[in-house]
Amino acid sequence: MGKNLKGKSIGRGICQRKDGLYQAKVYMKGNPKPTYIYDSNLNSLRLKKSIWNL
């Protein structure tokens, strides 16, 4: 589980960088390497992550 800067758990594959941006690791089908997506808002990052995982 990823954590934010205060140590609170924010979800699997999501973390908060020291500059305040949230980062999510997404695996696409057919590609063994992960793709990283970034956003300053946690809720919009979770939405983007759910769309990319389809």
Protein backbone atom coordinates (compact mmCIF):
# COMPACT_ATOMS: atom_id res chain seq x y z
CA MET A 1 0.00 0.00 0.00
CA GLY A 2 1.22 3.46 -0.89
CA LYS A 3 1.32 6.27 1.61
CA ASN A 4 1.03 10.02 1.51
CA LEU A 5 3.54 12.41 3.05
CA LYS A 6 1.84 12.19 6.45
CA GLY A 7 2.09 8.36 6.50
CA LYS A 8 -1.58 7.63 5.79
CA SER A 9 -2.33 4.70 3.47
CA ILE A 10 -3.87 5.94 0.18
CA GLY A 11 -4.25 2.78 -1.90
CA ARG A 12 -2.46 0.08 -3.81
CA GLY A 13 -0.05 1.36 -6.46
CA ILE A 14 -0.47 5.02 -5.46
CA CYS A 15 2.05 7.16 -3.59
CA GLN A 16 2.69 10.83 -2.96
CA ARG A 17 6.00 12.32 -4.04
CA LYS A 18 7.94 14.85 -1.98
CA ASP A 19 6.85 17.67 -4.30
CA GLY A 20 3.19 16.91 -3.45
CA LEU A 21 2.15 15.16 -6.68
CA TYR A 22 0.40 11.81 -6.50
CA GLN A 23 1.84 9.00 -8.63
CA ALA A 24 0.15 5.78 -9.73
CA LYS A 25 1.74 2.75 -11.35
CA VAL A 26 -0.42 1.12 -14.05
CA TYR A 27 0.32 -2.08 -15.97
CA MET A 28 -1.12 -2.21 -19.48
CA LYS A 29 -2.00 -5.52 -21.14
CA GLY A 30 0.75 -6.78 -23.44
CA ASN A 31 3.41 -4.48 -21.94
CA PRO A 32 5.57 -5.86 -19.10
CA LYS A 33 6.81 -2.40 -18.06
CA PRO A 34 4.64 -0.17 -15.86
CA THR A 35 3.31 3.21 -16.93
CA TYR A 36 3.27 6.03 -14.38
CA ILE A 37 0.53 8.64 -14.25
CA TYR A 38 0.61 11.80 -12.14
CA ASP A 39 -1.92 14.26 -10.73
CA SER A 40 -2.08 16.83 -7.96
CA ASN A 41 -5.56 15.64 -6.87
CA LEU A 42 -5.89 12.15 -5.38
CA ASN A 43 -9.50 11.58 -6.45
CA SER A 44 -8.83 12.51 -10.08
CA LEU A 45 -5.74 10.24 -10.08
CA ARG A 46 -7.87 7.32 -8.87
CA LEU A 47 -10.33 8.03 -11.69
CA LYS A 48 -7.52 8.13 -14.26
CA LYS A 49 -6.09 4.88 -12.86
CA SER A 50 -9.43 3.09 -13.15
CA ILE A 51 -9.79 4.24 -16.78
CA TRP A 52 -6.25 3.14 -17.70
CA ASN A 53 -6.77 -0.34 -16.16
CA LEU A 54 -9.63 -1.16 -18.57
